[in-house]
All heavy atoms as atom14 arrays in JSON, in Angstrom:
{
  "sequence": "PAHLLSVLRHPVTKLILLVLCVLSLFHWAHRFRYTLHDGLRLK",
  "atom14_mask": [
    [1, 1, 1, 1, 1, 1, 1, 0, 0, 0, 0, 0, 0, 0],
    [1, 1, 1, 1, 1, 0, 0, 0, 0, 0, 0, 0, 0, 0],
    [1, 1, 1, 1, 1, 1, 1, 1, 1, 1, 0, 0, 0, 0],
    [1, 1, 1, 1, 1, 1, 1, 1, 0, 0, 0, 0, 0, 0],
    [1, 1, 1, 1, 1, 1, 1, 1, 0, 0, 0, 0, 0, 0],
    [1, 1, 1, 1, 1, 1, 0, 0, 0, 0, 0, 0, 0, 0],
    [1, 1, 1, 1, 1, 1, 1, 0, 0, 0, 0, 0, 0, 0],
    [1, 1, 1, 1, 1, 1, 1, 1, 0, 0, 0, 0, 0, 0],
    [1, 1, 1, 1, 1, 1, 1, 1, 1, 1, 1, 0, 0, 0],
    [1, 1, 1, 1, 1, 1, 1, 1, 1, 1, 0, 0, 0, 0],
    [1, 1, 1, 1, 1, 1, 1, 0, 0, 0, 0, 0, 0, 0],
    [1, 1, 1, 1, 1, 1, 1, 0, 0, 0, 0, 0, 0, 0],
    [1, 1, 1, 1, 1, 1, 1, 0, 0, 0, 0, 0, 0, 0],
    [1, 1, 1, 1, 1, 1, 1, 1, 1, 0, 0, 0, 0, 0],
    [1, 1, 1, 1, 1, 1, 1, 1, 0, 0, 0, 0, 0, 0],
    [1, 1, 1, 1, 1, 1, 1, 1, 0, 0, 0, 0, 0, 0],
    [1, 1, 1, 1, 1, 1, 1, 1, 0, 0, 0, 0, 0, 0],
    [1, 1, 1, 1, 1, 1, 1, 1, 0, 0, 0, 0, 0, 0],
    [1, 1, 1, 1, 1, 1, 1, 0, 0, 0, 0, 0, 0, 0],
    [1, 1, 1, 1, 1, 1, 1, 1, 0, 0, 0, 0, 0, 0],
    [1, 1, 1, 1, 1, 1, 0, 0, 0, 0, 0, 0, 0, 0],
    [1, 1, 1, 1, 1, 1, 1, 0, 0, 0, 0, 0, 0, 0],
    [1, 1, 1, 1, 1, 1, 1, 1, 0, 0, 0, 0, 0, 0],
    [1, 1, 1, 1, 1, 1, 0, 0, 0, 0, 0, 0, 0, 0],
    [1, 1, 1, 1, 1, 1, 1, 1, 0, 0, 0, 0, 0, 0],
    [1, 1, 1, 1, 1, 1, 1, 1, 1, 1, 1, 0, 0, 0],
    [1, 1, 1, 1, 1, 1, 1, 1, 1, 1, 0, 0, 0, 0],
    [1, 1, 1, 1, 1, 1, 1, 1, 1, 1, 1, 1, 1, 1],
    [1, 1, 1, 1, 1, 0, 0, 0, 0, 0, 0, 0, 0, 0],
    [1, 1, 1, 1, 1, 1, 1, 1, 1, 1, 0, 0, 0, 0],
    [1, 1, 1, 1, 1, 1, 1, 1, 1, 1, 1, 0, 0, 0],
    [1, 1, 1, 1, 1, 1, 1, 1, 1, 1, 1, 0, 0, 0],
    [1, 1, 1, 1, 1, 1, 1, 1, 1, 1, 1, 0, 0, 0],
    [1, 1, 1, 1, 1, 1, 1, 1, 1, 1, 1, 1, 0, 0],
    [1, 1, 1, 1, 1, 1, 1, 0, 0, 0, 0, 0, 0, 0],
    [1, 1, 1, 1, 1, 1, 1, 1, 0, 0, 0, 0, 0, 0],
    [1, 1, 1, 1, 1, 1, 1, 1, 1, 1, 0, 0, 0, 0],
    [1, 1, 1, 1, 1, 1, 1, 1, 0, 0, 0, 0, 0, 0],
    [1, 1, 1, 1, 0, 0, 0, 0, 0, 0, 0, 0, 0, 0],
    [1, 1, 1, 1, 1, 1, 1, 1, 0, 0, 0, 0, 0, 0],
    [1, 1, 1, 1, 1, 1, 1, 1, 1, 1, 1, 0, 0, 0],
    [1, 1, 1, 1, 1, 1, 1, 1, 0, 0, 0, 0, 0, 0],
    [1, 1, 1, 1, 1, 1, 1, 1, 1, 0, 0, 0, 0, 0]
  ],
  "atom14_positions": [
    [[74.12, 42.69, -123.29], [75.43, 42.47, -122.66], [75.47, 42.89, -121.18], [76.11, 42.23, -120.37], [76.38, 43.32, -123.49], [75.72, 43.45, -124.81], [74.24, 43.45, -124.52], [0.0, 0.0, 0.0], [0.0, 0.0, 0.0], [0.0, 0.0, 0.0], [0.0, 0.0, 0.0], [0.0, 0.0, 0.0], [0.0, 0.0, 0.0], [0.0, 0.0, 0.0]],
    [[74.78, 43.95, -120.83], [74.77, 44.39, -119.43], [74.05, 43.37, -118.54], [74.51, 43.08, -117.43], [74.1, 45.75, -119.31], [0.0, 0.0, 0.0], [0.0, 0.0, 0.0], [0.0, 0.0, 0.0], [0.0, 0.0, 0.0], [0.0, 0.0, 0.0], [0.0, 0.0, 0.0], [0.0, 0.0, 0.0], [0.0, 0.0, 0.0], [0.0, 0.0, 0.0]],
    [[72.96, 42.82, -119.05], [72.23, 41.8, -118.28], [73.05, 40.52, -118.15], [73.11, 39.92, -117.07], [70.88, 41.51, -118.94], [70.1, 40.45, -118.24], [69.53, 40.65, -117.01], [69.8, 39.18, -118.58], [68.91, 39.55, -116.62], [69.07, 38.64, -117.57], [0.0, 0.0, 0.0], [0.0, 0.0, 0.0], [0.0, 0.0, 0.0], [0.0, 0.0, 0.0]],
    [[73.69, 40.11, -119.23], [74.52, 38.91, -119.2], [75.68, 39.08, -118.23], [76.0, 38.17, -117.46], [75.03, 38.6, -120.6], [75.75, 37.27, -120.78], [74.85, 36.1, -120.41], [76.22, 37.13, -122.21], [0.0, 0.0, 0.0], [0.0, 0.0, 0.0], [0.0, 0.0, 0.0], [0.0, 0.0, 0.0], [0.0, 0.0, 0.0], [0.0, 0.0, 0.0]],
    [[76.28, 40.25, -118.21], [77.37, 40.52, -117.28], [76.89, 40.51, -115.83], [77.57, 39.99, -114.94], [78.03, 41.86, -117.61], [79.31, 42.2, -116.87], [80.37, 41.13, -117.13], [79.8, 43.56, -117.28], [0.0, 0.0, 0.0], [0.0, 0.0, 0.0], [0.0, 0.0, 0.0], [0.0, 0.0, 0.0], [0.0, 0.0, 0.0], [0.0, 0.0, 0.0]],
    [[75.7, 41.06, -115.6], [75.17, 41.05, -114.23], [74.84, 39.62, -113.78], [75.03, 39.28, -112.61], [73.95, 41.95, -114.11], [72.86, 41.42, -114.81], [0.0, 0.0, 0.0], [0.0, 0.0, 0.0], [0.0, 0.0, 0.0], [0.0, 0.0, 0.0], [0.0, 0.0, 0.0], [0.0, 0.0, 0.0], [0.0, 0.0, 0.0], [0.0, 0.0, 0.0]],
    [[74.38, 38.78, -114.7], [74.11, 37.38, -114.35], [75.42, 36.66, -114.04], [75.5, 35.9, -113.07], [73.35, 36.67, -115.49], [73.32, 35.16, -115.29], [71.94, 37.21, -115.61], [0.0, 0.0, 0.0], [0.0, 0.0, 0.0], [0.0, 0.0, 0.0], [0.0, 0.0, 0.0], [0.0, 0.0, 0.0], [0.0, 0.0, 0.0], [0.0, 0.0, 0.0]],
    [[76.46, 36.91, -114.84], [77.74, 36.25, -114.61], [78.43, 36.72, -113.34], [79.24, 36.0, -112.76], [78.66, 36.46, -115.81], [78.25, 35.7, -117.07], [79.15, 36.07, -118.22], [78.27, 34.21, -116.82], [0.0, 0.0, 0.0], [0.0, 0.0, 0.0], [0.0, 0.0, 0.0], [0.0, 0.0, 0.0], [0.0, 0.0, 0.0], [0.0, 0.0, 0.0]],
    [[78.13, 37.92, -112.88], [78.74, 38.44, -111.64], [77.96, 38.06, -110.4], [78.43, 38.31, -109.28], [78.86, 39.96, -111.73], [79.95, 40.39, -112.67], [80.16, 41.87, -112.61], [81.3, 42.23, -113.44], [81.51, 43.44, -113.91], [80.67, 44.41, -113.61], [82.55, 43.69, -114.64], [0.0, 0.0, 0.0], [0.0, 0.0, 0.0], [0.0, 0.0, 0.0]],
    [[76.8, 37.46, -110.56], [75.99, 37.06, -109.4], [76.68, 35.92, -108.65], [77.23, 35.0, -109.26], [74.59, 36.62, -109.86], [73.6, 36.55, -108.77], [73.5, 35.46, -107.95], [72.7, 37.44, -108.33], [72.54, 35.67, -107.05], [72.04, 36.88, -107.26], [0.0, 0.0, 0.0], [0.0, 0.0, 0.0], [0.0, 0.0, 0.0], [0.0, 0.0, 0.0]],
    [[76.68, 35.95, -107.32], [77.37, 34.92, -106.53], [76.86, 33.49, -106.79], [77.65, 32.55, -106.77], [77.12, 35.33, -105.08], [76.75, 36.76, -105.13], [76.15, 37.02, -106.46], [0.0, 0.0, 0.0], [0.0, 0.0, 0.0], [0.0, 0.0, 0.0], [0.0, 0.0, 0.0], [0.0, 0.0, 0.0], [0.0, 0.0, 0.0], [0.0, 0.0, 0.0]],
    [[75.57, 33.33, -107.04], [75.04, 31.99, -107.29], [75.57, 31.44, -108.62], [75.93, 30.27, -108.73], [73.49, 31.99, -107.26], [72.94, 30.64, -107.67], [72.99, 32.38, -105.88], [0.0, 0.0, 0.0], [0.0, 0.0, 0.0], [0.0, 0.0, 0.0], [0.0, 0.0, 0.0], [0.0, 0.0, 0.0], [0.0, 0.0, 0.0], [0.0, 0.0, 0.0]],
    [[75.66, 32.31, -109.63], [76.21, 31.89, -110.91], [77.67, 31.5, -110.76], [78.11, 30.49, -111.32], [76.07, 33.01, -111.96], [74.71, 33.41, -112.04], [76.56, 32.57, -113.31], [0.0, 0.0, 0.0], [0.0, 0.0, 0.0], [0.0, 0.0, 0.0], [0.0, 0.0, 0.0], [0.0, 0.0, 0.0], [0.0, 0.0, 0.0], [0.0, 0.0, 0.0]],
    [[78.42, 32.28, -110.0], [79.82, 31.96, -109.76], [79.96, 30.62, -109.04], [80.83, 29.81, -109.38], [80.49, 33.06, -108.95], [80.73, 34.32, -109.73], [81.44, 35.34, -108.87], [81.76, 36.6, -109.65], [82.58, 37.53, -108.87], [0.0, 0.0, 0.0], [0.0, 0.0, 0.0], [0.0, 0.0, 0.0], [0.0, 0.0, 0.0], [0.0, 0.0, 0.0]],
    [[79.1, 30.38, -108.07], [79.15, 29.11, -107.34], [78.83, 27.94, -108.26], [79.5, 26.9, -108.2], [78.17, 29.16, -106.16], [78.12, 27.91, -105.3], [79.44, 27.71, -104.59], [76.97, 28.0, -104.32], [0.0, 0.0, 0.0], [0.0, 0.0, 0.0], [0.0, 0.0, 0.0], [0.0, 0.0, 0.0], [0.0, 0.0, 0.0], [0.0, 0.0, 0.0]],
    [[77.81, 28.09, -109.11], [77.45, 27.02, -110.04], [78.59, 26.74, -111.01], [78.92, 25.57, -111.28], [76.14, 27.36, -110.78], [74.97, 27.31, -109.8], [75.91, 26.43, -111.96], [73.68, 27.85, -110.36], [0.0, 0.0, 0.0], [0.0, 0.0, 0.0], [0.0, 0.0, 0.0], [0.0, 0.0, 0.0], [0.0, 0.0, 0.0], [0.0, 0.0, 0.0]],
    [[79.22, 27.77, -111.54], [80.34, 27.58, -112.45], [81.53, 26.93, -111.74], [82.21, 26.07, -112.31], [80.76, 28.91, -113.07], [79.81, 29.49, -114.1], [80.28, 30.87, -114.53], [79.68, 28.57, -115.3], [0.0, 0.0, 0.0], [0.0, 0.0, 0.0], [0.0, 0.0, 0.0], [0.0, 0.0, 0.0], [0.0, 0.0, 0.0], [0.0, 0.0, 0.0]],
    [[81.76, 27.32, -110.49], [82.85, 26.71, -109.72], [82.58, 25.23, -109.48], [83.46, 24.39, -109.68], [83.02, 27.44, -108.39], [84.11, 26.91, -107.47], [85.48, 27.09, -108.11], [84.06, 27.61, -106.12], [0.0, 0.0, 0.0], [0.0, 0.0, 0.0], [0.0, 0.0, 0.0], [0.0, 0.0, 0.0], [0.0, 0.0, 0.0], [0.0, 0.0, 0.0]],
    [[81.37, 24.89, -109.08], [81.01, 23.48, -108.85], [81.13, 22.69, -110.15], [81.66, 21.56, -110.16], [79.59, 23.37, -108.25], [79.07, 21.95, -108.3], [79.58, 23.9, -106.83], [0.0, 0.0, 0.0], [0.0, 0.0, 0.0], [0.0, 0.0, 0.0], [0.0, 0.0, 0.0], [0.0, 0.0, 0.0], [0.0, 0.0, 0.0], [0.0, 0.0, 0.0]],
    [[80.67, 23.26, -111.26], [80.78, 22.59, -112.55], [82.23, 22.3, -112.9], [82.58, 21.17, -113.29], [80.14, 23.45, -113.64], [80.33, 22.98, -115.08], [79.58, 21.69, -115.33], [79.9, 24.05, -116.05], [0.0, 0.0, 0.0], [0.0, 0.0, 0.0], [0.0, 0.0, 0.0], [0.0, 0.0, 0.0], [0.0, 0.0, 0.0], [0.0, 0.0, 0.0]],
    [[83.09, 23.28, -112.73], [84.51, 23.09, -113.08], [85.2, 22.1, -112.15], [85.93, 21.21, -112.59], [85.23, 24.42, -113.06], [84.72, 25.53, -114.38], [0.0, 0.0, 0.0], [0.0, 0.0, 0.0], [0.0, 0.0, 0.0], [0.0, 0.0, 0.0], [0.0, 0.0, 0.0], [0.0, 0.0, 0.0], [0.0, 0.0, 0.0], [0.0, 0.0, 0.0]],
    [[84.97, 22.23, -110.85], [85.63, 21.35, -109.88], [85.2, 19.9, -110.07], [86.03, 18.98, -110.13], [85.35, 21.82, -108.43], [85.79, 20.78, -107.42], [86.05, 23.14, -108.17], [0.0, 0.0, 0.0], [0.0, 0.0, 0.0], [0.0, 0.0, 0.0], [0.0, 0.0, 0.0], [0.0, 0.0, 0.0], [0.0, 0.0, 0.0], [0.0, 0.0, 0.0]],
    [[83.9, 19.66, -110.19], [83.43, 18.29, -110.37], [83.88, 17.71, -111.7], [84.22, 16.53, -111.78], [81.91, 18.23, -110.23], [81.38, 18.42, -108.82], [79.85, 18.39, -108.82], [81.93, 17.38, -107.86], [0.0, 0.0, 0.0], [0.0, 0.0, 0.0], [0.0, 0.0, 0.0], [0.0, 0.0, 0.0], [0.0, 0.0, 0.0], [0.0, 0.0, 0.0]],
    [[83.94, 18.53, -112.74], [84.43, 18.04, -114.04], [85.91, 17.67, -113.96], [86.33, 16.68, -114.56], [84.21, 19.1, -115.11], [82.85, 19.31, -115.32], [0.0, 0.0, 0.0], [0.0, 0.0, 0.0], [0.0, 0.0, 0.0], [0.0, 0.0, 0.0], [0.0, 0.0, 0.0], [0.0, 0.0, 0.0], [0.0, 0.0, 0.0], [0.0, 0.0, 0.0]],
    [[86.69, 18.45, -113.23], [88.11, 18.12, -113.07], [88.3, 16.81, -112.31], [89.15, 15.99, -112.68], [88.84, 19.26, -112.34], [89.16, 20.48, -113.18], [89.62, 21.63, -112.3], [90.21, 20.16, -114.22], [0.0, 0.0, 0.0], [0.0, 0.0, 0.0], [0.0, 0.0, 0.0], [0.0, 0.0, 0.0], [0.0, 0.0, 0.0], [0.0, 0.0, 0.0]],
    [[87.53, 16.59, -111.26], [87.66, 15.34, -110.52], [87.13, 14.15, -111.33], [87.63, 13.04, -111.21], [87.0, 15.43, -109.15], [87.9, 16.04, -108.14], [87.82, 17.39, -107.83], [88.88, 15.29, -107.5], [88.67, 17.97, -106.92], [89.74, 15.86, -106.58], [89.64, 17.2, -106.29], [0.0, 0.0, 0.0], [0.0, 0.0, 0.0], [0.0, 0.0, 0.0]],
    [[86.12, 14.38, -112.14], [85.64, 13.33, -113.05], [86.76, 12.94, -114.01], [87.03, 11.76, -114.22], [84.41, 13.82, -113.81], [83.87, 12.82, -114.77], [83.1, 11.76, -114.37], [83.98, 12.71, -116.11], [82.76, 11.04, -115.42], [83.3, 11.6, -116.5], [0.0, 0.0, 0.0], [0.0, 0.0, 0.0], [0.0, 0.0, 0.0], [0.0, 0.0, 0.0]],
    [[87.42, 13.95, -114.6], [88.53, 13.67, -115.5], [89.64, 12.91, -114.77], [90.19, 11.94, -115.31], [89.1, 14.98, -116.07], [90.45, 14.75, -116.65], [90.74, 14.29, -117.88], [91.7, 14.92, -115.97], [92.1, 14.17, -118.03], [92.73, 14.55, -116.87], [92.06, 15.36, -114.7], [94.07, 14.6, -116.54], [93.4, 15.4, -114.37], [94.39, 15.03, -115.28]],
    [[90.0, 13.37, -113.58], [91.11, 12.76, -112.85], [90.85, 11.28, -112.58], [91.73, 10.44, -112.77], [91.35, 13.51, -111.53], [0.0, 0.0, 0.0], [0.0, 0.0, 0.0], [0.0, 0.0, 0.0], [0.0, 0.0, 0.0], [0.0, 0.0, 0.0], [0.0, 0.0, 0.0], [0.0, 0.0, 0.0], [0.0, 0.0, 0.0], [0.0, 0.0, 0.0]],
    [[89.64, 10.95, -112.15], [89.32, 9.56, -111.84], [89.32, 8.71, -113.11], [89.86, 7.61, -113.12], [87.96, 9.51, -111.14], [87.75, 8.28, -110.33], [88.46, 8.02, -109.18], [86.91, 7.23, -110.49], [88.07, 6.88, -108.67], [87.13, 6.38, -109.44], [0.0, 0.0, 0.0], [0.0, 0.0, 0.0], [0.0, 0.0, 0.0], [0.0, 0.0, 0.0]],
    [[88.72, 9.24, -114.16], [88.68, 8.5, -115.43], [90.09, 8.28, -115.98], [90.44, 7.19, -116.43], [87.82, 9.24, -116.45], [87.66, 8.5, -117.75], [86.7, 9.23, -118.65], [85.36, 9.23, -118.14], [84.44, 8.32, -118.45], [84.73, 7.34, -119.26], [83.23, 8.4, -117.96], [0.0, 0.0, 0.0], [0.0, 0.0, 0.0], [0.0, 0.0, 0.0]],
    [[90.92, 9.32, -115.94], [92.27, 9.21, -116.47], [93.12, 8.27, -115.62], [93.93, 7.5, -116.14], [92.9, 10.61, -116.54], [94.16, 10.66, -117.35], [94.12, 10.46, -118.72], [95.37, 10.93, -116.75], [95.28, 10.5, -119.47], [96.53, 10.98, -117.49], [96.49, 10.77, -118.86], [0.0, 0.0, 0.0], [0.0, 0.0, 0.0], [0.0, 0.0, 0.0]],
    [[92.92, 8.32, -114.3], [93.65, 7.42, -113.42], [93.38, 5.97, -113.77], [94.3, 5.16, -113.91], [93.25, 7.67, -111.97], [93.82, 6.64, -111.02], [93.2, 6.73, -109.65], [93.67, 5.65, -108.81], [93.11, 5.32, -107.68], [92.08, 5.99, -107.22], [93.59, 4.33, -106.98], [0.0, 0.0, 0.0], [0.0, 0.0, 0.0], [0.0, 0.0, 0.0]],
    [[92.1, 5.61, -113.95], [91.79, 4.23, -114.23], [92.1, 3.84, -115.68], [92.31, 2.67, -115.97], [90.34, 3.91, -113.85], [90.26, 3.63, -112.37], [89.87, 4.61, -111.49], [90.66, 2.41, -111.86], [89.85, 4.37, -110.13], [90.65, 2.15, -110.51], [90.24, 3.14, -109.64], [90.23, 2.89, -108.3], [0.0, 0.0, 0.0], [0.0, 0.0, 0.0]],
    [[92.17, 4.81, -116.56], [92.64, 4.51, -117.92], [94.11, 4.12, -117.88], [94.52, 3.15, -118.52], [92.45, 5.73, -118.83], [91.06, 6.04, -118.92], [93.0, 5.47, -120.22], [0.0, 0.0, 0.0], [0.0, 0.0, 0.0], [0.0, 0.0, 0.0], [0.0, 0.0, 0.0], [0.0, 0.0, 0.0], [0.0, 0.0, 0.0], [0.0, 0.0, 0.0]],
    [[94.91, 4.87, -117.13], [96.32, 4.53, -117.0], [96.53, 3.25, -116.2], [97.37, 2.42, -116.54], [97.09, 5.68, -116.34], [97.16, 6.98, -117.13], [97.85, 8.05, -116.29], [97.88, 6.79, -118.44], [0.0, 0.0, 0.0], [0.0, 0.0, 0.0], [0.0, 0.0, 0.0], [0.0, 0.0, 0.0], [0.0, 0.0, 0.0], [0.0, 0.0, 0.0]],
    [[95.76, 3.1, -115.14], [95.92, 1.97, -114.23], [95.49, 0.66, -114.88], [96.24, -0.32, -114.89], [95.11, 2.23, -112.96], [95.3, 1.21, -111.9], [94.5, 0.1, -111.8], [96.19, 1.13, -110.89], [94.89, -0.63, -110.77], [95.91, -0.01, -110.19], [0.0, 0.0, 0.0], [0.0, 0.0, 0.0], [0.0, 0.0, 0.0], [0.0, 0.0, 0.0]],
    [[94.28, 0.63, -115.43], [93.74, -0.61, -115.99], [93.96, -0.72, -117.5], [94.29, -1.78, -118.01], [92.24, -0.72, -115.69], [91.96, -0.87, -114.21], [92.84, -1.38, -113.5], [90.88, -0.46, -113.78], [0.0, 0.0, 0.0], [0.0, 0.0, 0.0], [0.0, 0.0, 0.0], [0.0, 0.0, 0.0], [0.0, 0.0, 0.0], [0.0, 0.0, 0.0]],
    [[93.73, 0.39, -118.2], [93.82, 0.33, -119.65], [95.25, 0.13, -120.15], [95.5, -0.67, -121.04], [0.0, 0.0, 0.0], [0.0, 0.0, 0.0], [0.0, 0.0, 0.0], [0.0, 0.0, 0.0], [0.0, 0.0, 0.0], [0.0, 0.0, 0.0], [0.0, 0.0, 0.0], [0.0, 0.0, 0.0], [0.0, 0.0, 0.0], [0.0, 0.0, 0.0]],
    [[96.17, 0.87, -119.6], [97.57, 0.77, -120.02], [98.39, -0.13, -119.1], [99.59, -0.29, -119.29], [98.21, 2.16, -120.09], [97.58, 3.11, -121.11], [98.27, 4.46, -121.06], [97.67, 2.52, -122.51], [0.0, 0.0, 0.0], [0.0, 0.0, 0.0], [0.0, 0.0, 0.0], [0.0, 0.0, 0.0], [0.0, 0.0, 0.0], [0.0, 0.0, 0.0]],
    [[97.75, -0.66, -118.07], [98.37, -1.6, -117.13], [99.62, -1.02, -116.46], [100.66, -1.65, -116.4], [98.68, -2.92, -117.82], [97.44, -3.59, -118.34], [97.8, -4.83, -119.12], [96.64, -5.26, -119.87], [96.03, -6.41, -119.67], [96.46, -7.24, -118.76], [94.98, -6.73, -120.4], [0.0, 0.0, 0.0], [0.0, 0.0, 0.0], [0.0, 0.0, 0.0]],
    [[99.47, 0.19, -115.97], [100.57, 0.84, -115.26], [100.37, 0.77, -113.76], [100.57, 1.74, -113.04], [100.69, 2.3, -115.72], [101.02, 2.52, -117.19], [100.96, 4.0, -117.54], [102.36, 1.93, -117.54], [0.0, 0.0, 0.0], [0.0, 0.0, 0.0], [0.0, 0.0, 0.0], [0.0, 0.0, 0.0], [0.0, 0.0, 0.0], [0.0, 0.0, 0.0]],
    [[99.98, -0.39, -113.27], [99.67, -0.55, -111.85], [100.87, -0.3, -110.95], [100.73, 0.16, -109.83], [99.11, -1.95, -111.59], [97.79, -2.16, -112.26], [97.27, -3.55, -112.08], [95.96, -3.63, -112.82], [95.52, -4.93, -113.14], [0.0, 0.0, 0.0], [0.0, 0.0, 0.0], [0.0, 0.0, 0.0], [0.0, 0.0, 0.0], [0.0, 0.0, 0.0]]
  ]
}
């Protein structure tokens, strides 16, 4: 647990987790936008 906590507190790990979350959110946003726009025809 101490090693895992030190890995999670490392700045590079924080940056990787931040990039993962941000890019996943924008992936969702784009996919959901076009689902509403084209799939449900809410142009």
